[in-house]
Amino acid sequence: MRHFRALPLLAVMAATPVLAAVPLDGWGAYKFGLSPDAARAIPGHSFRAYSAKNLWNENKGAMGATTHPKINGVTYDFNLYFDDGSKLNGIELENEKKNVTLSDCGNAFLTLLGQQQKDYGAFAPVSPERKRDTSQTPPTSVEWKTEGGSRYELATLTLADEYAYAWRARKSAGANYLEVQATWSAHPDSKTAACVTGIKYAGKKS
């Protein structure tokens, strides 16, 4: 009898779809491996002219959007990056808010991390932990922290005329990865400064 009573439950479990994480093959319709023209043809955003070389005259192209996507109520600058074969291999979304406290900037990062975790699963730190070393230039410490099901890093730089903080976490899938990040820096006496949060996709053609 116990065996037959369990069958309906097993049937329900088998019929319940398993939610898979969003694949790390780009962002939305912007898939790694697209040409500049193919990326430009995707509806929804407009782009400036494609530049095939970067500032150092390397064959690494870029194309910046004139439109600004909104993700979870936050508006971002939007840029695409291409390898030496003019194939899409990087996507960056960046938001800057001025006059933000250090605490609020940290909270903005944690909010962004939580939002991305819902789609991609748990994130992890990028750099090894290390204590502040005054012999380094600049002297920087890296501390690992936990939030929800993810871990992230907080790098702290302290100089006489500037304090800087950088939060970062990465989700990897083979050669591709997604990073969420935030930075805040100011004079030690300053209570507010610009907070820059970002989402970065990097990878190769699937």
N, C-alpha and C. Protein backbone atom coordinates (compact mmCIF):
# COMPACT_ATOMS: atom_id res chain seq x y z
N MET A 1 0.82 -1.21 0.00
CA MET A 1 0.00 0.00 0.00
C MET A 1 0.86 1.26 0.00
N ARG A 2 1.92 1.23 0.77
CA ARG A 2 2.77 2.43 0.81
C ARG A 2 3.35 2.72 -0.57
N HIS A 3 3.67 1.67 -1.31
CA HIS A 3 4.25 1.86 -2.64
C HIS A 3 3.27 2.59 -3.57
N PHE A 4 1.99 2.17 -3.55
CA PHE A 4 1.00 2.77 -4.44
C PHE A 4 0.63 4.18 -4.01
N ARG A 5 0.66 4.48 -2.71
CA ARG A 5 0.37 5.83 -2.25
C ARG A 5 1.43 6.81 -2.71
N ALA A 6 2.65 6.36 -2.86
CA ALA A 6 3.75 7.25 -3.26
C ALA A 6 3.72 7.59 -4.73
N LEU A 7 3.02 6.78 -5.55
CA LEU A 7 3.04 7.00 -6.99
C LEU A 7 2.51 8.36 -7.42
N PRO A 8 1.36 8.85 -6.88
CA PRO A 8 0.90 10.19 -7.30
C PRO A 8 1.91 11.28 -7.01
N LEU A 9 2.59 11.20 -5.87
CA LEU A 9 3.58 12.21 -5.54
C LEU A 9 4.75 12.16 -6.51
N LEU A 10 5.19 10.94 -6.84
CA LEU A 10 6.29 10.81 -7.80
C LEU A 10 5.90 11.36 -9.16
N ALA A 11 4.64 11.16 -9.54
CA ALA A 11 4.17 11.67 -10.83
C ALA A 11 4.18 13.19 -10.86
N VAL A 12 3.77 13.81 -9.76
CA VAL A 12 3.78 15.27 -9.68
C VAL A 12 5.21 15.80 -9.76
N MET A 13 6.13 15.15 -9.04
CA MET A 13 7.53 15.59 -9.05
C MET A 13 8.11 15.48 -10.45
N ALA A 14 7.77 14.39 -11.16
CA ALA A 14 8.30 14.20 -12.50
C ALA A 14 7.76 15.24 -13.47
N ALA A 15 6.53 15.69 -13.23
CA ALA A 15 5.90 16.65 -14.13
C ALA A 15 6.29 18.09 -13.84
N THR A 16 6.92 18.34 -12.68
CA THR A 16 7.30 19.69 -12.30
C THR A 16 8.57 20.11 -13.01
N PRO A 17 8.57 21.17 -13.80
CA PRO A 17 9.77 21.56 -14.53
C PRO A 17 10.85 22.07 -13.58
N VAL A 18 12.10 21.77 -13.92
CA VAL A 18 13.24 22.25 -13.13
C VAL A 18 13.72 23.55 -13.76
N LEU A 19 13.75 24.61 -12.97
CA LEU A 19 14.16 25.91 -13.50
C LEU A 19 15.67 25.95 -13.69
N ALA A 20 16.12 26.11 -14.91
CA ALA A 20 17.55 26.14 -15.21
C ALA A 20 18.04 27.58 -15.15
N ALA A 21 19.30 27.73 -14.79
CA ALA A 21 19.90 29.06 -14.76
C ALA A 21 20.01 29.61 -16.18
N VAL A 22 19.95 30.92 -16.31
CA VAL A 22 20.11 31.55 -17.61
C VAL A 22 21.52 31.27 -18.14
N PRO A 23 21.66 30.82 -19.39
CA PRO A 23 22.99 30.51 -19.91
C PRO A 23 23.86 31.75 -20.04
N LEU A 24 25.15 31.59 -19.82
CA LEU A 24 26.09 32.71 -19.91
C LEU A 24 26.69 32.76 -21.32
N ASP A 25 25.85 33.06 -22.29
CA ASP A 25 26.30 33.14 -23.68
C ASP A 25 26.12 34.55 -24.24
N GLY A 26 26.00 35.53 -23.34
CA GLY A 26 25.78 36.91 -23.73
C GLY A 26 24.71 37.51 -22.84
N TRP A 27 24.11 38.59 -23.30
CA TRP A 27 23.02 39.23 -22.55
C TRP A 27 21.83 39.39 -23.47
N GLY A 28 20.74 38.69 -23.15
CA GLY A 28 19.56 38.75 -23.99
C GLY A 28 19.88 38.29 -25.40
N ALA A 29 19.49 39.11 -26.38
CA ALA A 29 19.74 38.76 -27.79
C ALA A 29 21.18 39.03 -28.22
N TYR A 30 21.96 39.68 -27.36
CA TYR A 30 23.35 40.01 -27.70
C TYR A 30 24.24 38.83 -27.31
N LYS A 31 24.40 37.88 -28.23
CA LYS A 31 25.15 36.66 -27.98
C LYS A 31 26.61 36.83 -28.39
N PHE A 32 27.50 36.19 -27.64
CA PHE A 32 28.91 36.22 -27.99
C PHE A 32 29.10 35.65 -29.39
N GLY A 33 29.95 36.28 -30.17
CA GLY A 33 30.22 35.84 -31.54
C GLY A 33 29.54 36.68 -32.60
N LEU A 34 28.59 37.55 -32.20
CA LEU A 34 27.92 38.40 -33.18
C LEU A 34 28.89 39.41 -33.79
N SER A 35 28.67 39.77 -35.03
CA SER A 35 29.41 40.86 -35.66
C SER A 35 28.81 42.19 -35.23
N PRO A 36 29.55 43.29 -35.40
CA PRO A 36 28.96 44.60 -35.08
C PRO A 36 27.66 44.87 -35.83
N ASP A 37 27.59 44.50 -37.10
CA ASP A 37 26.37 44.74 -37.87
C ASP A 37 25.21 43.91 -37.34
N ALA A 38 25.48 42.67 -36.96
CA ALA A 38 24.43 41.80 -36.43
C ALA A 38 23.93 42.32 -35.09
N ALA A 39 24.85 42.81 -34.27
CA ALA A 39 24.45 43.37 -32.97
C ALA A 39 23.63 44.64 -33.17
N ARG A 40 24.03 45.46 -34.12
CA ARG A 40 23.32 46.71 -34.38
C ARG A 40 21.90 46.45 -34.89
N ALA A 41 21.71 45.33 -35.57
CA ALA A 41 20.41 45.02 -36.18
C ALA A 41 19.39 44.53 -35.16
N ILE A 42 19.83 44.20 -33.94
CA ILE A 42 18.89 43.73 -32.93
C ILE A 42 17.98 44.88 -32.52
N PRO A 43 16.67 44.71 -32.55
CA PRO A 43 15.76 45.81 -32.21
C PRO A 43 15.88 46.22 -30.73
N GLY A 44 15.62 47.50 -30.49
CA GLY A 44 15.54 47.98 -29.11
C GLY A 44 16.58 49.00 -28.71
N HIS A 45 17.77 48.97 -29.35
CA HIS A 45 18.82 49.92 -28.98
C HIS A 45 19.51 50.48 -30.22
N SER A 46 19.99 51.71 -30.10
CA SER A 46 20.75 52.36 -31.17
C SER A 46 22.18 52.53 -30.73
N PHE A 47 23.11 52.46 -31.68
CA PHE A 47 24.53 52.51 -31.36
C PHE A 47 25.25 53.57 -32.19
N ARG A 48 26.33 54.08 -31.61
CA ARG A 48 27.23 54.96 -32.34
C ARG A 48 28.04 54.12 -33.33
N ALA A 49 28.88 54.78 -34.10
CA ALA A 49 29.70 54.07 -35.08
C ALA A 49 30.61 53.06 -34.39
N TYR A 50 30.89 51.96 -35.08
CA TYR A 50 31.78 50.93 -34.56
C TYR A 50 33.23 51.35 -34.75
N SER A 51 34.03 51.24 -33.71
CA SER A 51 35.46 51.50 -33.79
C SER A 51 36.21 50.18 -33.71
N ALA A 52 36.99 49.87 -34.75
CA ALA A 52 37.66 48.57 -34.82
C ALA A 52 38.91 48.48 -33.95
N LYS A 53 39.41 49.61 -33.47
CA LYS A 53 40.62 49.62 -32.65
C LYS A 53 40.36 50.39 -31.36
N ASN A 54 41.10 50.00 -30.31
CA ASN A 54 40.96 50.71 -29.04
C ASN A 54 41.96 51.86 -28.96
N LEU A 55 42.07 52.48 -27.79
CA LEU A 55 42.94 53.64 -27.61
C LEU A 55 44.42 53.30 -27.81
N TRP A 56 44.78 52.04 -27.65
CA TRP A 56 46.17 51.60 -27.80
C TRP A 56 46.44 51.03 -29.18
N ASN A 57 45.50 51.29 -30.11
CA ASN A 57 45.62 50.86 -31.50
C ASN A 57 45.61 49.34 -31.66
N GLU A 58 45.05 48.65 -30.68
CA GLU A 58 44.91 47.21 -30.76
C GLU A 58 43.63 46.87 -31.53
N ASN A 59 43.62 45.69 -32.16
CA ASN A 59 42.44 45.26 -32.90
C ASN A 59 41.37 44.72 -31.95
N LYS A 60 40.88 45.59 -31.10
CA LYS A 60 39.81 45.26 -30.17
C LYS A 60 38.77 46.36 -30.30
N GLY A 61 37.64 46.01 -30.89
CA GLY A 61 36.65 47.01 -31.24
C GLY A 61 35.64 47.28 -30.14
N ALA A 62 34.90 48.37 -30.31
CA ALA A 62 33.87 48.74 -29.33
C ALA A 62 32.76 49.51 -30.03
N MET A 63 31.57 49.45 -29.42
CA MET A 63 30.41 50.15 -29.97
C MET A 63 29.51 50.53 -28.79
N GLY A 64 29.33 51.83 -28.60
CA GLY A 64 28.54 52.31 -27.48
C GLY A 64 27.12 52.65 -27.89
N ALA A 65 26.18 52.33 -27.02
CA ALA A 65 24.77 52.60 -27.31
C ALA A 65 24.43 54.05 -27.00
N THR A 66 23.53 54.62 -27.78
CA THR A 66 22.99 55.95 -27.50
C THR A 66 21.73 55.84 -26.66
N THR A 67 21.21 54.64 -26.56
CA THR A 67 20.04 54.37 -25.71
C THR A 67 20.52 53.75 -24.39
N HIS A 68 19.64 53.74 -23.40
CA HIS A 68 20.04 53.31 -22.06
C HIS A 68 19.05 52.29 -21.52
N PRO A 69 19.46 51.00 -21.48
CA PRO A 69 18.55 49.99 -20.96
C PRO A 69 18.26 50.21 -19.47
N LYS A 70 17.06 49.81 -19.06
CA LYS A 70 16.68 49.89 -17.65
C LYS A 70 16.49 48.46 -17.14
N ILE A 71 17.20 48.13 -16.06
CA ILE A 71 17.16 46.80 -15.47
C ILE A 71 16.75 46.94 -14.01
N ASN A 72 15.63 46.33 -13.65
CA ASN A 72 15.11 46.42 -12.28
C ASN A 72 15.02 47.87 -11.80
N GLY A 73 14.58 48.75 -12.71
CA GLY A 73 14.37 50.14 -12.36
C GLY A 73 15.60 51.02 -12.41
N VAL A 74 16.76 50.45 -12.74
CA VAL A 74 18.01 51.21 -12.79
C VAL A 74 18.43 51.39 -14.25
N THR A 75 18.80 52.62 -14.63
CA THR A 75 19.21 52.92 -16.00
C THR A 75 20.72 52.78 -16.14
N TYR A 76 21.15 52.13 -17.23
CA TYR A 76 22.57 51.83 -17.44
C TYR A 76 23.08 52.39 -18.75
N ASP A 77 24.36 52.81 -18.77
CA ASP A 77 25.08 52.99 -20.01
C ASP A 77 25.39 51.60 -20.56
N PHE A 78 25.44 51.47 -21.87
CA PHE A 78 25.49 50.15 -22.50
C PHE A 78 26.57 50.15 -23.57
N ASN A 79 27.56 49.25 -23.44
CA ASN A 79 28.66 49.17 -24.39
C ASN A 79 28.94 47.73 -24.79
N LEU A 80 29.27 47.55 -26.07
CA LEU A 80 29.65 46.24 -26.60
C LEU A 80 31.12 46.25 -26.99
N TYR A 81 31.81 45.12 -26.78
CA TYR A 81 33.23 45.00 -27.10
C TYR A 81 33.45 43.77 -27.98
N PHE A 82 34.44 43.87 -28.88
CA PHE A 82 34.67 42.85 -29.89
C PHE A 82 36.14 42.45 -29.92
N ASP A 83 36.39 41.18 -30.30
CA ASP A 83 37.76 40.68 -30.35
C ASP A 83 38.43 41.09 -31.66
N ASP A 84 39.63 40.54 -31.91
CA ASP A 84 40.37 40.95 -33.11
C ASP A 84 39.76 40.40 -34.39
N GLY A 85 38.74 39.56 -34.26
CA GLY A 85 38.00 39.11 -35.42
C GLY A 85 36.66 39.81 -35.56
N SER A 86 36.49 40.91 -34.81
CA SER A 86 35.24 41.68 -34.79
C SER A 86 34.04 40.82 -34.40
N LYS A 87 34.27 39.92 -33.43
CA LYS A 87 33.21 39.10 -32.87
C LYS A 87 32.95 39.55 -31.43
N LEU A 88 31.68 39.67 -31.08
CA LEU A 88 31.31 40.15 -29.76
C LEU A 88 31.86 39.24 -28.66
N ASN A 89 32.61 39.82 -27.73
CA ASN A 89 33.13 39.03 -26.61
C ASN A 89 33.04 39.76 -25.27
N GLY A 90 32.37 40.91 -25.25
CA GLY A 90 32.22 41.62 -24.00
C GLY A 90 31.01 42.56 -24.03
N ILE A 91 30.28 42.59 -22.92
CA ILE A 91 29.11 43.45 -22.78
C ILE A 91 29.18 44.10 -21.41
N GLU A 92 29.07 45.43 -21.36
CA GLU A 92 29.15 46.12 -20.08
C GLU A 92 27.96 47.07 -19.92
N LEU A 93 27.38 47.02 -18.74
CA LEU A 93 26.29 47.92 -18.36
C LEU A 93 26.74 48.63 -17.10
N GLU A 94 26.66 49.97 -17.09
CA GLU A 94 27.22 50.74 -15.97
C GLU A 94 26.28 51.87 -15.57
N ASN A 95 26.14 52.05 -14.27
CA ASN A 95 25.31 53.12 -13.73
C ASN A 95 26.12 53.91 -12.72
N GLU A 96 26.02 55.23 -12.78
CA GLU A 96 26.71 56.09 -11.81
C GLU A 96 25.70 56.99 -11.10
N LYS A 97 25.74 56.96 -9.78
CA LYS A 97 24.93 57.86 -8.97
C LYS A 97 25.86 58.72 -8.13
N LYS A 98 25.60 60.02 -8.10
CA LYS A 98 26.44 60.95 -7.35
C LYS A 98 25.91 61.15 -5.94
N ASN A 99 26.79 61.63 -5.07
CA ASN A 99 26.43 61.97 -3.69
C ASN A 99 25.79 60.79 -2.95
N VAL A 100 26.48 59.67 -2.99
CA VAL A 100 26.02 58.44 -2.35
C VAL A 100 26.96 58.12 -1.18
N THR A 101 26.41 57.68 -0.06
CA THR A 101 27.26 57.28 1.07
C THR A 101 27.90 55.92 0.77
N LEU A 102 28.97 55.62 1.49
CA LEU A 102 29.64 54.33 1.33
C LEU A 102 28.68 53.19 1.63
N SER A 103 27.91 53.33 2.69
CA SER A 103 26.96 52.28 3.07
C SER A 103 25.92 52.05 1.99
N ASP A 104 25.40 53.12 1.42
CA ASP A 104 24.38 52.98 0.38
C ASP A 104 24.96 52.37 -0.89
N CYS A 105 26.22 52.66 -1.17
CA CYS A 105 26.86 52.06 -2.35
C CYS A 105 27.01 50.55 -2.14
N GLY A 106 27.43 50.16 -0.94
CA GLY A 106 27.53 48.73 -0.64
C GLY A 106 26.18 48.03 -0.75
N ASN A 107 25.14 48.70 -0.28
CA ASN A 107 23.80 48.12 -0.37
C ASN A 107 23.32 48.02 -1.82
N ALA A 108 23.72 48.99 -2.65
CA ALA A 108 23.36 48.94 -4.07
C ALA A 108 24.01 47.72 -4.73
N PHE A 109 25.25 47.44 -4.35
CA PHE A 109 25.93 46.26 -4.88
C PHE A 109 25.20 44.99 -4.45
N LEU A 110 24.85 44.89 -3.17
CA LEU A 110 24.19 43.69 -2.67
C LEU A 110 22.83 43.49 -3.33
N THR A 111 22.12 44.58 -3.60
CA THR A 111 20.85 44.47 -4.31
C THR A 111 21.07 43.93 -5.71
N LEU A 112 22.08 44.46 -6.41
CA LEU A 112 22.39 44.00 -7.76
C LEU A 112 22.80 42.53 -7.74
N LEU A 113 23.63 42.14 -6.77
CA LEU A 113 24.05 40.76 -6.65
C LEU A 113 22.85 39.83 -6.46
N GLY A 114 21.94 40.21 -5.57
CA GLY A 114 20.76 39.40 -5.32
C GLY A 114 19.89 39.25 -6.56
N GLN A 115 19.73 40.33 -7.32
CA GLN A 115 18.93 40.27 -8.54
C GLN A 115 19.53 39.33 -9.56
N GLN A 116 20.85 39.40 -9.76
CA GLN A 116 21.51 38.56 -10.75
C GLN A 116 21.56 37.10 -10.29
N GLN A 117 21.65 36.89 -8.99
CA GLN A 117 21.69 35.53 -8.45
C GLN A 117 20.39 34.78 -8.78
N LYS A 118 19.27 35.50 -8.81
CA LYS A 118 17.99 34.86 -9.13
C LYS A 118 18.02 34.23 -10.53
N ASP A 119 18.75 34.85 -11.45
CA ASP A 119 18.81 34.35 -12.82
C ASP A 119 19.95 33.36 -13.05
N TYR A 120 21.10 33.61 -12.40
CA TYR A 120 22.30 32.86 -12.75
C TYR A 120 22.80 31.92 -11.66
N GLY A 121 22.21 31.95 -10.47
CA GLY A 121 22.71 31.11 -9.40
C GLY A 121 23.79 31.81 -8.60
N ALA A 122 24.47 31.04 -7.75
CA ALA A 122 25.42 31.61 -6.79
C ALA A 122 26.66 32.18 -7.46
N PHE A 123 27.14 33.31 -6.93
CA PHE A 123 28.36 33.96 -7.39
C PHE A 123 29.50 33.68 -6.40
N ALA A 124 30.72 34.01 -6.81
CA ALA A 124 31.90 33.77 -5.97
C ALA A 124 32.88 34.93 -6.10
N PRO A 125 33.79 35.09 -5.13
CA PRO A 125 34.82 36.13 -5.25
C PRO A 125 35.73 35.88 -6.44
N VAL A 126 36.44 36.92 -6.86
CA VAL A 126 37.33 36.83 -8.01
C VAL A 126 38.80 36.74 -7.57
N SER A 127 39.18 37.55 -6.58
CA SER A 127 40.57 37.64 -6.13
C SER A 127 40.77 36.90 -4.81
N PRO A 128 41.98 36.41 -4.54
CA PRO A 128 42.25 35.77 -3.26
C PRO A 128 42.14 36.78 -2.11
N GLU A 129 41.78 36.30 -0.94
CA GLU A 129 41.77 37.17 0.23
C GLU A 129 43.20 37.57 0.58
N ARG A 130 43.36 38.80 1.07
CA ARG A 130 44.68 39.20 1.56
C ARG A 130 44.54 40.39 2.50
N LYS A 131 45.42 40.45 3.47
CA LYS A 131 45.42 41.57 4.41
C LYS A 131 46.14 42.77 3.79
N ARG A 132 45.87 43.93 4.33
CA ARG A 132 46.49 45.16 3.83
C ARG A 132 48.00 45.09 4.01
N ASP A 133 48.71 45.39 2.95
CA ASP A 133 50.18 45.36 2.95
C ASP A 133 50.67 46.75 2.56
N THR A 134 51.27 47.45 3.50
CA THR A 134 51.72 48.83 3.24
C THR A 134 52.86 48.89 2.24
N SER A 135 53.48 47.74 1.94
CA SER A 135 54.55 47.74 0.94
C SER A 135 54.00 47.72 -0.48
N GLN A 136 52.71 47.43 -0.62
CA GLN A 136 52.08 47.43 -1.93
C GLN A 136 51.77 48.85 -2.39
N THR A 137 51.69 49.05 -3.69
CA THR A 137 51.31 50.34 -4.25
C THR A 137 50.15 50.14 -5.21
N PRO A 138 48.96 50.59 -4.83
CA PRO A 138 48.60 51.14 -3.52
C PRO A 138 48.33 50.03 -2.51
N PRO A 139 48.40 50.32 -1.21
CA PRO A 139 48.12 49.29 -0.20
C PRO A 139 46.65 48.90 -0.22
N THR A 140 46.39 47.62 -0.46
CA THR A 140 45.01 47.15 -0.65
C THR A 140 44.77 45.87 0.12
N SER A 141 43.60 45.75 0.69
CA SER A 141 43.19 44.50 1.31
C SER A 141 41.99 43.94 0.55
N VAL A 142 41.82 42.61 0.59
CA VAL A 142 40.68 41.95 -0.05
C VAL A 142 40.06 41.02 0.98
N GLU A 143 38.78 41.24 1.26
CA GLU A 143 38.05 40.43 2.24
C GLU A 143 36.88 39.75 1.55
N TRP A 144 36.70 38.45 1.84
CA TRP A 144 35.56 37.73 1.30
C TRP A 144 34.38 37.84 2.25
N LYS A 145 33.19 38.01 1.68
CA LYS A 145 31.97 38.12 2.46
C LYS A 145 30.88 37.24 1.85
N THR A 146 29.83 37.00 2.60
CA THR A 146 28.73 36.14 2.16
C THR A 146 27.42 36.92 2.18
N GLU A 147 26.63 36.72 1.14
CA GLU A 147 25.31 37.34 1.07
C GLU A 147 24.37 36.35 0.38
N GLY A 148 23.34 35.89 1.10
CA GLY A 148 22.45 34.90 0.52
C GLY A 148 23.22 33.63 0.19
N GLY A 149 23.05 33.14 -1.01
CA GLY A 149 23.78 31.94 -1.43
C GLY A 149 25.08 32.23 -2.13
N SER A 150 25.50 33.50 -2.18
CA SER A 150 26.71 33.89 -2.90
C SER A 150 27.78 34.38 -1.95
N ARG A 151 29.01 34.37 -2.45
CA ARG A 151 30.12 35.04 -1.79
C ARG A 151 30.63 36.14 -2.72
N TYR A 152 31.20 37.17 -2.13
CA TYR A 152 31.74 38.26 -2.92
C TYR A 152 32.96 38.82 -2.22
N GLU A 153 33.68 39.68 -2.91
CA GLU A 153 34.88 40.29 -2.32
C GLU A 153 34.70 41.78 -2.14
N LEU A 154 35.34 42.31 -1.12
CA LEU A 154 35.42 43.76 -0.91
C LEU A 154 36.89 44.13 -0.82
N ALA A 155 37.36 44.87 -1.81
CA ALA A 155 38.73 45.36 -1.82
C ALA A 155 38.73 46.79 -1.26
N THR A 156 39.66 47.06 -0.35
CA THR A 156 39.74 48.37 0.29
C THR A 156 41.13 48.95 0.09
N LEU A 157 41.17 50.16 -0.43
CA LEU A 157 42.42 50.89 -0.64
C LEU A 157 42.40 52.11 0.27
N THR A 158 43.44 52.30 1.04
CA THR A 158 43.49 53.44 1.95
C THR A 158 44.79 54.20 1.77
N LEU A 159 44.67 55.44 1.33
CA LEU A 159 45.79 56.36 1.19
C LEU A 159 45.52 57.59 2.05
N ALA A 160 46.50 58.44 2.17
CA ALA A 160 46.33 59.62 3.02
C ALA A 160 45.24 60.54 2.48
N ASP A 161 45.10 60.61 1.15
CA ASP A 161 44.14 61.54 0.56
C ASP A 161 42.98 60.85 -0.14
N GLU A 162 42.86 59.53 -0.02
CA GLU A 162 41.77 58.84 -0.69
C GLU A 162 41.50 57.49 -0.03
N TYR A 163 40.23 57.20 0.13
CA TYR A 163 39.77 55.86 0.49
C TYR A 163 38.97 55.34 -0.70
N ALA A 164 39.21 54.10 -1.09
CA ALA A 164 38.49 53.51 -2.22
C ALA A 164 38.03 52.11 -1.87
N TYR A 165 36.84 51.76 -2.34
CA TYR A 165 36.24 50.46 -2.05
C TYR A 165 35.70 49.88 -3.35
N ALA A 166 35.91 48.58 -3.52
CA ALA A 166 35.41 47.91 -4.72
C ALA A 166 34.81 46.56 -4.33
N TRP A 167 33.54 46.38 -4.66
CA TRP A 167 32.85 45.12 -4.43
C TRP A 167 32.80 44.37 -5.75
N ARG A 168 32.97 43.03 -5.70
CA ARG A 168 32.97 42.28 -6.95
C ARG A 168 32.61 40.82 -6.68
N ALA A 169 31.86 40.23 -7.61
CA ALA A 169 31.53 38.81 -7.55
C ALA A 169 31.37 38.30 -8.98
N ARG A 170 31.69 37.02 -9.18
CA ARG A 170 31.69 36.46 -10.54
C ARG A 170 30.94 35.14 -10.57
N LYS A 171 30.23 34.92 -11.68
CA LYS A 171 29.62 33.64 -12.01
C LYS A 171 30.25 33.15 -13.29
N SER A 172 30.88 31.98 -13.25
CA SER A 172 31.60 31.45 -14.41
C SER A 172 30.88 30.24 -14.99
N ALA A 173 31.01 30.10 -16.31
CA ALA A 173 30.49 28.93 -17.02
C ALA A 173 31.44 28.64 -18.16
N GLY A 174 32.41 27.77 -17.93
CA GLY A 174 33.44 27.50 -18.93
C GLY A 174 34.29 28.74 -19.15
N ALA A 175 34.45 29.14 -20.41
CA ALA A 175 35.26 30.32 -20.73
C ALA A 175 34.50 31.61 -20.54
N ASN A 176 33.19 31.54 -20.29
CA ASN A 176 32.36 32.73 -20.15
C ASN A 176 32.14 33.06 -18.68
N TYR A 177 31.92 34.33 -18.40
CA TYR A 177 31.60 34.70 -17.02
C TYR A 177 30.79 36.00 -16.99
N LEU A 178 30.16 36.19 -15.84
CA LEU A 178 29.40 37.40 -15.54
C LEU A 178 29.92 37.96 -14.23
N GLU A 179 30.22 39.26 -14.21
CA GLU A 179 30.65 39.91 -12.99
C GLU A 179 29.67 41.02 -12.63
N VAL A 180 29.39 41.14 -11.34
CA VAL A 180 28.68 42.31 -10.83
C VAL A 180 29.66 43.05 -9.94
N GLN A 181 29.63 44.37 -9.98
CA GLN A 181 30.65 45.14 -9.28
C GLN A 181 30.12 46.51 -8.89
N ALA A 182 30.81 47.12 -7.95
CA ALA A 182 30.52 48.50 -7.55
C ALA A 182 31.80 49.12 -7.02
N THR A 183 31.95 50.43 -7.22
CA THR A 183 33.13 51.15 -6.71
C THR A 183 32.69 52.46 -6.08
N TRP A 184 33.44 52.88 -5.07
CA TRP A 184 33.19 54.14 -4.36
C TRP A 184 34.53 54.64 -3.85
N SER A 185 34.88 55.89 -4.12
CA SER A 185 36.15 56.44 -3.63
C SER A 185 35.98 57.91 -3.31
N ALA A 186 36.68 58.36 -2.25
CA ALA A 186 36.55 59.75 -1.82
C ALA A 186 37.68 60.10 -0.87
N HIS A 187 37.82 61.39 -0.62
CA HIS A 187 38.75 61.86 0.42
C HIS A 187 38.26 61.33 1.77
N PRO A 188 39.17 61.02 2.68
CA PRO A 188 38.75 60.48 3.98
C PRO A 188 37.72 61.33 4.72
N ASP A 189 37.72 62.63 4.48
CA ASP A 189 36.76 63.50 5.17
C ASP A 189 35.40 63.58 4.47
N SER A 190 35.29 63.02 3.28
CA SER A 190 34.05 63.11 2.52
C SER A 190 33.06 62.03 2.96
N LYS A 191 31.81 62.42 3.08
CA LYS A 191 30.77 61.48 3.49
C LYS A 191 30.05 60.86 2.29
N THR A 192 30.08 61.54 1.16
CA THR A 192 29.41 61.03 -0.04
C THR A 192 30.34 61.13 -1.24
N ALA A 193 30.07 60.31 -2.24
CA ALA A 193 30.86 60.30 -3.47
C ALA A 193 30.05 59.58 -4.54
N ALA A 194 30.62 59.49 -5.73
CA ALA A 194 29.94 58.76 -6.81
C ALA A 194 30.02 57.26 -6.54
N CYS A 195 28.91 56.60 -6.76
CA CYS A 195 28.84 55.14 -6.66
C CYS A 195 28.60 54.59 -8.06
N VAL A 196 29.51 53.77 -8.54
CA VAL A 196 29.38 53.19 -9.88
C VAL A 196 29.10 51.69 -9.74
N THR A 197 27.96 51.26 -10.22
CA THR A 197 27.64 49.84 -10.23
C THR A 197 27.65 49.34 -11.66
N GLY A 198 28.00 48.07 -11.83
CA GLY A 198 28.13 47.55 -13.18
C GLY A 198 27.84 46.07 -13.29
N ILE A 199 27.47 45.68 -14.51
CA ILE A 199 27.26 44.28 -14.88
C ILE A 199 28.13 44.04 -16.11
N LYS A 200 28.99 43.03 -16.03
CA LYS A 200 29.92 42.76 -17.13
C LYS A 200 29.81 41.31 -17.56
N TYR A 201 29.58 41.10 -18.87
CA TYR A 201 29.56 39.77 -19.46
C TYR A 201 30.81 39.63 -20.33
N ALA A 202 31.51 38.51 -20.20
CA ALA A 202 32.71 38.28 -21.02
C ALA A 202 32.72 36.83 -21.47
N GLY A 203 33.16 36.62 -22.70
CA GLY A 203 33.20 35.24 -23.15
C GLY A 203 33.58 35.11 -24.61
N LYS A 204 33.33 33.92 -25.12
CA LYS A 204 33.65 33.59 -26.49
C LYS A 204 32.40 33.10 -27.21
N LYS A 205 32.50 32.99 -28.52
CA LYS A 205 31.38 32.49 -29.30
C LYS A 205 31.00 31.11 -28.83
N SER A 206 29.69 30.85 -28.64
CA SER A 206 29.22 29.54 -28.18
C SER A 206 29.49 28.47 -29.24
